[in-house]
Amino acid sequence: MYKLFIEIINENDKKTSVFIYRWFAISLVLHLIVAWFSIGFYHFDEHFQILEFAGYKIGHSPASALPWEFEAQIRSAFQPFIAYCVLKLLFWVHIDDPFFATTILRFMSAFLGWFSSVFLTVALLKYLQLKQLRKWFIVLSSILSSLFMIHARFSSESWAGSLAFLGIAIMLMLVSQKNKENKTGQFLYFLFCGFLFGLSYLCRVQSVFLYPGLFLWLFFLKRVPIYKLFIILMGIIAAVTVGILLDYWFYGVWVNTAYRYFIINILQGKAAEFGTQPWWWYLPELIRFGFWPLQLLMISLVGIAFLRHLKNPLVWVCVPFILVHFLVGHKELRFLFPLVEALPFLLIIGIESVLISQKSIIEKLKRHKKYVYILGIVFIIYSAIEVINMCEWPMSSFLYPMKYIYVNYHEPTDVIINDSSLNMLLNGRLKVNYYKRQTTRYLFMSDPDSIKNYAASNNRLVLMMISSRGFDLDKIFMKIKPQLSPAYCQVPIWLKKIDVNHWESRTSFWKIYAVNHGEGNLQKIKY
């Protein structure tokens, strides 16, 4: 695999090769930075169907607190098994910290996504007709903010896309290499690609719709012998067999989770209970997903790429996947996340199509190179701002104070919260047990007097965890201010001196206060 990668890199001149390695290194650094700050989850399934499943197997969470998918046995145990292994390994070295475990999982996800993106970029360079666009393709693949956001997630959508397109990248390298491998090498490479496709399928069943187009492209356009396609199928079967064994380990019975998923969600219509949308629903949602003029431009370029590059492998891969999701009644934007790996290339060949059809534009760009570079710099700055925004405001900022409580309070502790949405997450039908110590309870109270009386009649350590604007105590709690001692603030206190444009009074962040039993009876506070 490494040999295939280096062979294609070396087809370029030394200066271009250095350019490629430099931007890939920048991309890796950005991936790891975003992964470090991306605490929490984009969607409930990312947490409850992976981390809580692993927590159940570890013994942190009862089966009654798990989502309905557990009882229905429709979730593959592949990703919960990975999380379980990370937790067990940390226990073995005496580290009992679920937050550290999820950080490792995010780093694993980011590295897998980066690795997949790098291989796919290198494999697709030769599919660009205009050599002038190759460097821009490398830059775009290295700094597109959507890649960082999705790759940082230890979710089914992220891993399904990364594994699938890593396999596709290796496959494209195999069918285009000049010096053919020996039969044994060919067999192992094709088998490995199939195994990656199978693992992608275990992460997310819907990724199966990425492969019909790929197989047809390989057979009809690249004339790949049918026995090689059969080798790929053998790899897929091997991965699915591993998945069945893991499902038995997790559920305790032999079960085909993919088959049950199809029966319950599709034939029995369970998925439709969560809402159905018209076929065109994804288009306005994608426009609203970010800066709408840029999103609209990107959608247009992808559409042009689909219409003008009918023989391109990624078009054959992506179009069936998109059509199926357009036709399925229940839609969520995250269902399209596995395609993020293909987005940079689709955008570039969309731009290429416009340039080739309007040759006068190419001549103008050659005469005004500086404007092209200015636009490139503007896009890089925009991407940098997006990265900073992702780091500053992660998916689930409430986990910052929960992490502080987990690390610093090992004794029996009651935590008062006044946010009803957070209360539903911590004490509703589904409980975030994975991030809580068994000695810690989260209680919902919004009345200051009730909080004061509860602390006075309780021998346990009592904390108050609230989100409010600015650094000062929320005015509704000023009545009990003498009984409160600050213990934690999500934002460094020294930033209070830099209140530019009154950002402090307009920004909400989390704080923790220790609630004293009464005057003269201060509880122990950890700073």
Protein backbone atom coordinates (compact mmCIF):
# COMPACT_ATOMS: atom_id res chain seq x y z
CA MET A 1 0.00 0.00 0.00
CA TYR A 2 2.82 2.38 0.93
CA LYS A 3 4.60 1.36 -2.29
CA LEU A 4 1.54 2.30 -4.36
CA PHE A 5 1.33 5.66 -2.60
CA ILE A 6 5.02 6.54 -3.10
CA GLU A 7 4.93 5.42 -6.73
CA ILE A 8 2.22 7.94 -7.59
CA ILE A 9 3.86 10.72 -5.55
CA ASN A 10 7.15 10.17 -7.40
CA GLU A 11 5.42 10.63 -10.75
CA ASN A 12 5.52 14.36 -9.96
CA ASP A 13 8.65 16.52 -9.95
CA LYS A 14 10.52 17.01 -6.68
CA LYS A 15 9.11 20.49 -6.08
CA THR A 16 5.52 19.24 -6.43
CA SER A 17 6.24 16.27 -4.17
CA VAL A 18 7.52 18.60 -1.43
CA PHE A 19 4.39 20.74 -1.91
CA ILE A 20 2.19 17.65 -1.43
CA TYR A 21 3.96 16.49 1.75
CA ARG A 22 3.92 20.00 3.22
CA TRP A 23 0.16 20.47 2.82
CA PHE A 24 -0.61 16.97 4.04
CA ALA A 25 1.43 17.74 7.19
CA ILE A 26 -0.58 20.94 7.73
CA SER A 27 -3.77 18.94 7.27
CA LEU A 28 -2.71 16.39 9.89
CA VAL A 29 -1.94 19.11 12.44
CA LEU A 30 -5.34 20.76 11.84
CA HIS A 31 -7.11 17.39 12.11
CA LEU A 32 -5.52 16.72 15.50
CA ILE A 33 -6.24 20.25 16.80
CA VAL A 34 -9.92 20.01 15.88
CA ALA A 35 -10.14 16.48 17.31
CA TRP A 36 -8.69 17.69 20.63
CA PHE A 37 -11.33 20.39 21.02
CA SER A 38 -14.31 18.49 19.54
CA ILE A 39 -15.64 17.32 22.87
CA GLY A 40 -19.14 15.85 22.83
CA PHE A 41 -21.26 14.54 19.99
CA TYR A 42 -22.94 15.87 16.85
CA HIS A 43 -25.92 13.53 17.17
CA PHE A 44 -27.30 11.41 20.01
CA ASP A 45 -26.60 8.18 18.08
CA GLU A 46 -22.88 8.99 18.10
CA HIS A 47 -22.94 8.80 21.89
CA PHE A 48 -25.75 6.48 22.93
CA GLN A 49 -25.22 3.78 20.28
CA ILE A 50 -21.44 3.64 20.65
CA LEU A 51 -20.08 5.01 23.93
CA GLU A 52 -23.03 3.98 26.11
CA PHE A 53 -22.96 0.54 24.46
CA ALA A 54 -19.27 0.27 25.41
CA GLY A 55 -20.10 1.58 28.89
CA TYR A 56 -22.74 -1.13 29.25
CA LYS A 57 -20.18 -3.81 28.36
CA ILE A 58 -17.70 -2.32 30.83
CA GLY A 59 -20.40 -2.31 33.51
CA HIS A 60 -20.93 1.47 33.84
CA SER A 61 -24.46 1.57 32.47
CA PRO A 62 -27.47 -0.76 32.83
CA ALA A 63 -29.25 -2.14 29.77
CA SER A 64 -32.40 -0.26 30.81
CA ALA A 65 -30.63 3.06 30.12
CA LEU A 66 -29.68 2.13 26.56
CA PRO A 67 -31.63 3.23 23.45
CA TRP A 68 -34.25 1.02 21.80
CA GLU A 69 -31.70 -0.09 19.20
CA PHE A 70 -30.06 -2.27 21.86
CA GLU A 71 -33.17 -4.33 22.56
CA ALA A 72 -33.94 -4.45 18.82
CA GLN A 73 -30.36 -5.65 18.18
CA ILE A 74 -29.89 -3.53 15.05
CA ARG A 75 -26.60 -1.84 15.93
CA SER A 76 -23.29 -3.47 14.94
CA ALA A 77 -20.87 -4.00 17.84
CA PHE A 78 -17.82 -3.05 15.75
CA GLN A 79 -17.39 0.54 16.97
CA PRO A 80 -18.59 -0.17 20.54
CA PHE A 81 -15.93 -2.92 20.58
CA ILE A 82 -13.22 -0.40 19.64
CA ALA A 83 -14.38 1.94 22.42
CA TYR A 84 -14.51 -1.02 24.84
CA CYS A 85 -10.91 -1.97 23.97
CA VAL A 86 -9.68 1.59 24.55
CA LEU A 87 -11.44 1.73 27.94
CA LYS A 88 -10.04 -1.68 28.95
CA LEU A 89 -6.52 -0.69 27.89
CA LEU A 90 -6.73 2.49 29.99
CA PHE A 91 -8.03 0.50 32.97
CA TRP A 92 -5.05 -1.81 32.55
CA VAL A 93 -2.67 1.15 32.98
CA HIS A 94 -4.80 2.46 35.88
CA ILE A 95 -6.44 5.36 34.01
CA ASP A 96 -10.12 5.64 34.86
CA ASP A 97 -11.11 8.62 32.73
CA PRO A 98 -13.84 8.29 30.04
CA PHE A 99 -13.03 11.78 28.77
CA PHE A 100 -9.45 10.73 28.03
CA ALA A 101 -10.78 7.60 26.32
CA THR A 102 -13.03 9.62 24.00
CA THR A 103 -10.12 11.95 23.22
CA ILE A 104 -8.14 8.90 22.06
CA LEU A 105 -11.13 7.78 19.97
CA ARG A 106 -11.38 11.22 18.36
CA PHE A 107 -7.66 11.15 17.55
CA MET A 108 -8.11 7.71 16.01
CA SER A 109 -11.04 9.02 13.94
CA ALA A 110 -9.13 12.13 12.84
CA PHE A 111 -6.07 10.12 11.83
CA LEU A 112 -8.18 7.58 9.91
CA GLY A 113 -10.03 10.40 8.13
CA TRP A 114 -6.78 12.20 7.31
CA PHE A 115 -5.17 8.98 6.07
CA SER A 116 -8.17 8.25 3.85
CA SER A 117 -8.23 11.81 2.50
CA VAL A 118 -4.49 11.75 1.72
CA PHE A 119 -4.69 8.47 -0.17
CA LEU A 120 -7.78 9.55 -2.08
CA THR A 121 -6.18 12.86 -3.06
CA VAL A 122 -3.06 11.17 -4.39
CA ALA A 123 -5.10 8.53 -6.25
CA LEU A 124 -7.24 11.17 -7.96
CA LEU A 125 -4.51 13.60 -9.08
CA LYS A 126 -4.21 11.98 -12.50
CA TYR A 127 -7.95 12.35 -13.09
CA LEU A 128 -7.57 16.15 -13.41
CA GLN A 129 -7.11 17.35 -16.99
CA LEU A 130 -5.80 20.80 -16.04
CA LYS A 131 -2.48 20.33 -14.25
CA GLN A 132 -2.77 23.88 -12.91
CA LEU A 133 -5.63 22.71 -10.68
CA ARG A 134 -3.70 19.86 -9.05
CA LYS A 135 -2.06 22.08 -6.45
CA TRP A 136 -5.36 23.73 -5.64
CA PHE A 137 -6.90 20.27 -5.26
CA ILE A 138 -4.18 19.35 -2.76
CA VAL A 139 -4.72 22.58 -0.81
CA LEU A 140 -8.51 22.13 -0.81
CA SER A 141 -8.19 18.52 0.39
CA SER A 142 -5.92 19.72 3.19
CA ILE A 143 -7.92 22.64 4.63
CA LEU A 144 -11.61 22.10 3.81
CA SER A 145 -13.22 22.65 7.21
CA SER A 146 -16.02 20.10 6.64
CA LEU A 147 -13.36 17.38 6.58
CA PHE A 148 -12.06 18.35 10.02
CA MET A 149 -15.51 18.55 11.57
CA ILE A 150 -16.62 15.11 10.36
CA HIS A 151 -13.27 13.33 10.69
CA ALA A 152 -13.01 14.39 14.35
CA ARG A 153 -16.15 12.43 15.23
CA PHE A 154 -16.03 8.83 16.43
CA SER A 155 -19.34 8.25 14.66
CA SER A 156 -20.74 5.71 12.24
CA GLU A 157 -20.92 8.29 9.44
CA SER A 158 -17.30 9.39 9.87
CA TRP A 159 -15.79 5.91 10.05
CA ALA A 160 -18.00 4.50 7.28
CA GLY A 161 -16.87 7.23 4.90
CA SER A 162 -13.19 7.09 5.86
CA LEU A 163 -12.96 3.29 5.57
CA ALA A 164 -14.93 3.18 2.30
CA PHE A 165 -12.93 5.89 0.53
CA LEU A 166 -9.62 4.54 1.81
CA GLY A 167 -10.54 1.27 0.10
CA ILE A 168 -11.65 3.16 -3.03
CA ALA A 169 -8.36 5.12 -3.09
CA ILE A 170 -6.27 1.94 -2.89
CA MET A 171 -8.47 0.38 -5.58
CA LEU A 172 -7.91 3.34 -7.92
CA MET A 173 -4.17 3.10 -7.35
CA LEU A 174 -4.25 -0.63 -8.14
CA VAL A 175 -6.11 -0.32 -11.43
CA SER A 176 -3.94 2.58 -12.65
CA GLN A 177 -0.45 1.51 -11.55
CA LYS A 178 2.15 1.07 -14.27
CA ASN A 179 4.18 -1.74 -12.70
CA LYS A 180 1.71 -4.45 -11.88
CA GLU A 181 2.16 -6.35 -8.63
CA ASN A 182 2.64 -10.13 -8.65
CA LYS A 183 -0.45 -12.26 -8.31
CA THR A 184 -0.02 -12.66 -4.55
CA GLY A 185 0.33 -8.90 -4.07
CA GLN A 186 -2.71 -8.22 -6.26
CA PHE A 187 -4.76 -10.78 -4.34
CA LEU A 188 -3.87 -9.29 -0.94
CA TYR A 189 -4.52 -5.70 -2.07
CA PHE A 190 -7.94 -6.53 -3.52
CA LEU A 191 -8.79 -8.61 -0.45
CA PHE A 192 -7.77 -5.73 1.83
CA CYS A 193 -9.91 -3.26 -0.14
CA GLY A 194 -12.89 -5.57 0.26
CA PHE A 195 -12.18 -5.89 3.98
CA LEU A 196 -12.23 -2.09 4.32
CA PHE A 197 -15.54 -1.98 2.45
CA GLY A 198 -16.91 -4.59 4.85
CA LEU A 199 -15.78 -2.62 7.92
CA SER A 200 -17.44 0.48 6.46
CA TYR A 201 -20.63 -1.56 6.12
CA LEU A 202 -20.36 -2.60 9.78
CA CYS A 203 -20.07 1.04 10.82
CA ARG A 204 -23.07 2.10 8.76
CA VAL A 205 -25.27 -0.28 6.78
CA GLN A 206 -26.17 2.41 4.23
CA SER A 207 -22.56 2.57 3.04
CA VAL A 208 -23.39 -0.53 0.96
CA PHE A 209 -24.86 1.87 -1.62
CA LEU A 210 -21.36 3.22 -2.32
CA TYR A 211 -20.27 -0.05 -3.89
CA PRO A 212 -22.66 -1.01 -6.73
CA GLY A 213 -21.45 1.96 -8.79
CA LEU A 214 -17.82 1.17 -7.98
CA PHE A 215 -18.18 -2.48 -9.05
CA LEU A 216 -19.92 -1.46 -12.28
CA TRP A 217 -17.23 1.13 -13.04
CA LEU A 218 -14.47 -1.41 -12.41
CA PHE A 219 -16.13 -4.03 -14.62
CA PHE A 220 -17.41 -1.95 -17.54
CA LEU A 221 -14.98 0.98 -17.75
CA LYS A 222 -11.73 -0.43 -16.35
CA ARG A 223 -12.30 -4.00 -17.58
CA VAL A 224 -11.23 -5.47 -14.25
CA PRO A 225 -11.54 -9.28 -14.44
CA ILE A 226 -14.51 -10.70 -12.61
CA TYR A 227 -12.32 -12.94 -10.45
CA LYS A 228 -10.72 -9.80 -8.94
CA LEU A 229 -14.17 -8.45 -8.12
CA PHE A 230 -14.85 -11.78 -6.45
CA ILE A 231 -11.69 -11.31 -4.34
CA ILE A 232 -13.08 -7.94 -3.19
CA LEU A 233 -16.33 -9.70 -2.29
CA MET A 234 -14.33 -12.25 -0.26
CA GLY A 235 -12.82 -9.35 1.74
CA ILE A 236 -16.27 -7.93 2.39
CA ILE A 237 -17.54 -11.33 3.57
CA ALA A 238 -14.53 -11.68 5.88
CA ALA A 239 -15.25 -8.30 7.52
CA VAL A 240 -18.97 -9.10 7.86
CA THR A 241 -18.03 -12.43 9.50
CA VAL A 242 -15.91 -10.54 12.03
CA GLY A 243 -18.92 -8.29 12.64
CA ILE A 244 -21.19 -11.28 13.32
CA LEU A 245 -18.69 -12.63 15.87
CA LEU A 246 -18.51 -9.22 17.59
CA ASP A 247 -22.31 -9.03 17.65
CA TYR A 248 -22.43 -12.40 19.40
CA TRP A 249 -19.85 -11.16 21.93
CA PHE A 250 -21.93 -8.05 22.59
CA TYR A 251 -25.56 -9.28 22.51
CA GLY A 252 -24.89 -12.81 23.78
CA VAL A 253 -26.85 -14.42 20.92
CA TRP A 254 -26.22 -15.03 17.23
CA VAL A 255 -27.78 -12.12 15.37
CA ASN A 256 -27.54 -10.45 11.97
CA THR A 257 -27.80 -6.77 12.95
CA ALA A 258 -27.90 -5.53 9.33
CA TYR A 259 -30.79 -7.83 8.46
CA ARG A 260 -32.69 -6.79 11.60
CA TYR A 261 -31.98 -3.13 10.74
CA PHE A 262 -33.58 -3.62 7.33
CA ILE A 263 -36.60 -5.48 8.72
CA ILE A 264 -37.33 -3.06 11.58
CA ASN A 265 -36.38 0.32 10.09
CA ILE A 266 -37.44 -0.22 6.47
CA LEU A 267 -40.06 -2.98 6.22
CA GLN A 268 -41.70 -2.24 9.56
CA GLY A 269 -41.32 1.53 9.07
CA LYS A 270 -39.62 2.31 12.38
CA ALA A 271 -37.35 4.95 10.80
CA ALA A 272 -40.38 6.78 9.39
CA GLU A 273 -41.64 7.32 12.95
CA PHE A 274 -38.86 9.87 13.38
CA GLY A 275 -40.30 11.94 10.53
CA THR A 276 -40.33 11.85 6.74
CA GLN A 277 -39.25 14.54 4.32
CA PRO A 278 -39.69 15.17 0.56
CA TRP A 279 -36.95 14.06 -1.84
CA TRP A 280 -35.55 17.59 -2.26
CA TRP A 281 -35.15 18.18 1.52
CA TYR A 282 -31.36 17.81 1.44
CA LEU A 283 -30.81 20.75 -0.94
CA PRO A 284 -32.06 23.59 1.32
CA GLU A 285 -30.55 21.87 4.36
CA LEU A 286 -27.14 21.76 2.73
CA ILE A 287 -27.42 25.46 1.85
CA ARG A 288 -28.24 26.29 5.48
CA PHE A 289 -25.40 24.10 6.79
CA GLY A 290 -22.82 26.89 6.50
CA PHE A 291 -22.25 30.27 4.85
CA TRP A 292 -25.11 30.03 2.36
CA PRO A 293 -23.53 31.76 -0.71
CA LEU A 294 -20.52 29.44 -0.43
CA GLN A 295 -22.75 26.41 0.15
CA LEU A 296 -24.85 27.27 -2.90
CA LEU A 297 -21.71 27.63 -5.02
CA MET A 298 -20.41 24.25 -3.78
CA ILE A 299 -23.70 22.48 -4.55
CA SER A 300 -23.66 23.97 -8.06
CA LEU A 301 -20.09 22.80 -8.67
CA VAL A 302 -20.89 19.27 -7.45
CA GLY A 303 -23.92 19.20 -9.76
CA ILE A 304 -21.74 20.28 -12.70
CA ALA A 305 -19.22 17.57 -11.79
CA PHE A 306 -21.94 14.91 -11.87
CA LEU A 307 -23.28 16.08 -15.25
CA ARG A 308 -19.95 16.62 -17.03
CA HIS A 309 -17.89 13.67 -15.71
CA LEU A 310 -20.08 10.64 -16.29
CA LYS A 311 -17.08 8.30 -16.55
CA ASN A 312 -15.37 9.42 -13.35
CA PRO A 313 -15.20 6.74 -10.61
CA LEU A 314 -16.34 9.06 -7.81
CA VAL A 315 -19.43 10.01 -9.81
CA TRP A 316 -20.30 6.31 -10.13
CA VAL A 317 -19.73 5.90 -6.38
CA CYS A 318 -21.58 8.98 -5.10
CA VAL A 319 -24.63 9.29 -7.37
CA PRO A 320 -26.31 5.96 -6.38
CA PHE A 321 -25.63 6.73 -2.71
CA ILE A 322 -27.25 10.18 -3.02
CA LEU A 323 -30.23 8.91 -5.04
CA VAL A 324 -31.03 6.24 -2.45
CA HIS A 325 -30.95 8.82 0.35
CA PHE A 326 -33.13 11.18 -1.68
CA LEU A 327 -35.71 8.41 -2.08
CA VAL A 328 -35.74 7.20 1.56
CA GLY A 329 -38.44 8.98 3.55
CA HIS A 330 -36.54 9.73 6.78
CA LYS A 331 -33.68 12.14 6.12
CA GLU A 332 -30.97 13.69 8.23
CA LEU A 333 -28.05 15.78 7.01
CA ARG A 334 -25.55 13.49 8.73
CA PHE A 335 -26.62 10.64 6.43
CA LEU A 336 -24.60 12.35 3.66
CA PHE A 337 -21.49 12.84 5.84
CA PRO A 338 -19.76 9.69 4.48
CA LEU A 339 -19.38 11.54 1.15
CA VAL A 340 -17.26 14.33 2.63
CA GLU A 341 -14.09 12.55 1.46
CA ALA A 342 -15.20 13.00 -2.15
CA LEU A 343 -16.20 16.66 -1.78
CA PRO A 344 -12.81 18.33 -2.56
CA PHE A 345 -12.39 16.37 -5.79
CA LEU A 346 -15.98 16.94 -6.91
CA LEU A 347 -15.56 20.68 -6.34
CA ILE A 348 -12.31 20.79 -8.30
CA ILE A 349 -13.62 18.86 -11.32
CA GLY A 350 -16.69 21.10 -11.23
CA ILE A 351 -14.38 24.12 -11.48
CA GLU A 352 -12.38 22.34 -14.17
CA SER A 353 -15.52 21.75 -16.24
CA VAL A 354 -16.39 25.45 -16.12
CA LEU A 355 -12.85 26.45 -17.11
CA ILE A 356 -12.65 23.98 -20.01
CA SER A 357 -16.04 25.02 -21.37
CA GLN A 358 -15.03 28.68 -21.15
CA LYS A 359 -11.44 28.72 -22.46
CA SER A 360 -11.37 32.50 -22.39
CA ILE A 361 -11.55 32.29 -18.60
CA ILE A 362 -8.31 30.27 -18.51
CA GLU A 363 -6.50 32.92 -20.54
CA LYS A 364 -7.77 35.66 -18.25
CA LEU A 365 -6.67 33.70 -15.17
CA LYS A 366 -3.19 33.28 -16.65
CA ARG A 367 -2.94 37.04 -17.13
CA HIS A 368 -4.28 37.80 -13.65
CA LYS A 369 -2.67 35.14 -11.49
CA LYS A 370 -2.47 37.47 -8.53
CA TYR A 371 -6.28 37.60 -8.25
CA VAL A 372 -6.42 33.81 -8.23
CA TYR A 373 -3.92 33.73 -5.38
CA ILE A 374 -5.84 36.42 -3.51
CA LEU A 375 -8.99 34.29 -3.74
CA GLY A 376 -6.99 31.31 -2.54
CA ILE A 377 -5.67 33.26 0.45
CA VAL A 378 -9.21 34.44 1.27
CA PHE A 379 -10.42 30.83 1.25
CA ILE A 380 -7.53 29.75 3.49
CA ILE A 381 -8.38 32.53 5.95
CA TYR A 382 -12.06 31.51 5.84
CA SER A 383 -11.09 27.90 6.59
CA ALA A 384 -8.88 29.04 9.47
CA ILE A 385 -11.81 30.98 10.96
CA GLU A 386 -13.99 27.88 10.62
CA VAL A 387 -11.38 25.78 12.44
CA ILE A 388 -11.13 28.34 15.25
CA ASN A 389 -14.91 28.39 15.53
CA MET A 390 -15.05 24.58 15.77
CA CYS A 391 -12.44 24.63 18.52
CA GLU A 392 -14.03 27.49 20.44
CA TRP A 393 -17.60 26.16 20.41
CA PRO A 394 -17.58 22.34 20.40
CA MET A 395 -20.67 20.16 19.94
CA SER A 396 -21.37 19.60 23.66
CA SER A 397 -19.77 22.29 25.81
CA PHE A 398 -21.60 21.00 28.93
CA LEU A 399 -19.04 18.18 29.01
CA TYR A 400 -16.31 20.65 30.02
CA PRO A 401 -17.74 21.20 33.53
CA MET A 402 -18.73 17.52 33.73
CA LYS A 403 -15.11 16.62 33.00
CA TYR A 404 -13.95 18.96 35.76
CA ILE A 405 -16.36 17.31 38.20
CA TYR A 406 -15.31 13.80 37.16
CA VAL A 407 -11.60 14.51 37.56
CA ASN A 408 -11.73 16.55 40.79
CA TYR A 409 -14.59 15.11 42.86
CA HIS A 410 -14.28 11.43 43.68
CA GLU A 411 -16.40 11.54 46.86
CA PRO A 412 -20.23 11.29 46.84
CA THR A 413 -21.39 14.47 45.12
CA ASP A 414 -24.72 16.03 44.13
CA VAL A 415 -24.65 18.42 41.19
CA ILE A 416 -27.52 20.91 40.84
CA ILE A 417 -28.39 21.88 37.26
CA ASN A 418 -31.04 24.37 36.13
CA ASP A 419 -31.08 23.60 32.41
CA SER A 420 -34.14 21.49 31.49
CA SER A 421 -32.60 20.22 28.24
CA LEU A 422 -29.49 19.03 30.04
CA ASN A 423 -31.69 17.44 32.70
CA MET A 424 -33.46 15.40 30.01
CA LEU A 425 -30.07 14.25 28.76
CA LEU A 426 -28.80 13.28 32.20
CA ASN A 427 -31.97 12.03 33.86
CA GLY A 428 -34.39 11.28 31.01
CA ARG A 429 -35.13 7.96 29.33
CA LEU A 430 -31.58 7.89 28.01
CA LYS A 431 -28.93 8.79 30.56
CA VAL A 432 -25.37 9.90 29.89
CA ASN A 433 -23.91 7.41 32.36
CA TYR A 434 -20.66 7.08 30.42
CA TYR A 435 -19.37 10.46 31.66
CA LYS A 436 -20.58 10.17 35.28
CA ARG A 437 -19.09 8.56 38.35
CA GLN A 438 -21.42 6.19 40.13
CA THR A 439 -21.01 8.37 43.25
CA THR A 440 -22.22 11.50 41.43
CA ARG A 441 -25.87 12.50 41.03
CA TYR A 442 -27.22 15.28 38.79
CA LEU A 443 -30.39 16.94 40.10
CA PHE A 444 -32.64 19.54 38.47
CA MET A 445 -33.48 22.62 40.58
CA SER A 446 -34.15 26.17 39.48
CA ASP A 447 -35.37 27.84 42.69
CA PRO A 448 -32.54 29.44 44.76
CA ASP A 449 -34.25 28.74 48.09
CA SER A 450 -34.72 25.07 47.19
CA ILE A 451 -31.01 24.81 46.37
CA LYS A 452 -30.05 26.46 49.66
CA ASN A 453 -32.36 24.23 51.72
CA TYR A 454 -31.22 21.11 49.90
CA ALA A 455 -27.57 21.85 50.67
CA ALA A 456 -28.37 22.58 54.32
CA SER A 457 -30.12 19.23 54.79
CA ASN A 458 -27.60 17.14 52.85
CA ASN A 459 -24.32 15.67 54.09
CA ARG A 460 -23.04 15.08 50.55
CA LEU A 461 -20.93 17.58 48.67
CA VAL A 462 -23.27 19.87 46.70
CA LEU A 463 -22.24 21.69 43.53
CA MET A 464 -24.20 23.96 41.22
CA MET A 465 -23.44 23.70 37.48
CA ILE A 466 -25.00 26.46 35.39
CA SER A 467 -24.59 28.15 32.03
CA SER A 468 -25.09 31.92 32.03
CA ARG A 469 -23.88 35.04 30.27
CA GLY A 470 -20.71 36.70 31.49
CA PHE A 471 -18.37 35.89 34.36
CA ASP A 472 -20.57 37.10 37.20
CA LEU A 473 -23.22 35.05 38.93
CA ASP A 474 -26.60 34.97 37.22
CA LYS A 475 -28.95 37.49 38.86
CA ILE A 476 -31.55 34.86 39.79
CA PHE A 477 -28.97 33.30 42.12
CA MET A 478 -27.78 36.53 43.74
CA LYS A 479 -30.07 35.76 46.67
CA ILE A 480 -27.89 32.81 47.72
CA LYS A 481 -24.55 34.31 46.69
CA PRO A 482 -23.13 34.12 50.26
CA GLN A 483 -23.61 30.35 50.18
CA LEU A 484 -21.83 29.95 46.81
CA SER A 485 -18.09 29.59 46.26
CA PRO A 486 -16.75 29.64 42.68
CA ALA A 487 -14.94 26.44 41.70
CA TYR A 488 -14.73 26.41 37.88
CA CYS A 489 -15.28 28.60 34.82
CA GLN A 490 -15.20 27.35 31.23
CA VAL A 491 -13.48 30.55 30.03
CA PRO A 492 -10.22 31.79 31.64
CA ILE A 493 -10.92 34.57 34.14
CA TRP A 494 -8.17 36.80 32.73
CA LEU A 495 -10.25 37.26 29.55
CA LYS A 496 -12.57 39.41 31.64
CA LYS A 497 -10.04 42.23 31.21
CA ILE A 498 -10.41 42.02 27.41
CA ASP A 499 -14.11 42.77 27.08
CA VAL A 500 -13.96 43.94 23.45
CA ASN A 501 -17.37 44.98 22.11
CA HIS A 502 -18.94 43.69 25.35
CA TRP A 503 -18.49 40.05 24.27
CA GLU A 504 -18.66 38.91 27.89
CA SER A 505 -22.25 40.03 28.48
CA ARG A 506 -23.34 38.43 25.18
CA THR A 507 -21.63 35.06 25.65
CA SER A 508 -22.84 32.11 27.69
CA PHE A 509 -20.43 29.65 29.25
CA TRP A 510 -20.46 27.08 32.03
CA LYS A 511 -19.56 27.67 35.67
CA ILE A 512 -19.45 25.52 38.79
CA TYR A 513 -20.11 26.75 42.32
CA ALA A 514 -19.81 24.85 45.57
CA VAL A 515 -22.99 25.29 47.64
CA ASN A 516 -22.09 25.74 51.29
CA HIS A 517 -24.14 24.01 53.97
CA GLY A 518 -24.52 27.34 55.70
CA GLU A 519 -22.53 30.34 56.87
CA GLY A 520 -19.41 29.18 58.68
CA ASN A 521 -19.78 25.67 57.32
CA LEU A 522 -17.87 25.86 54.06
CA GLN A 523 -17.54 22.75 51.95
CA LYS A 524 -14.25 21.63 50.50
CA ILE A 525 -13.61 23.32 47.15
CA LYS A 526 -11.12 22.22 44.51
CA TYR A 527 -9.69 24.88 42.18
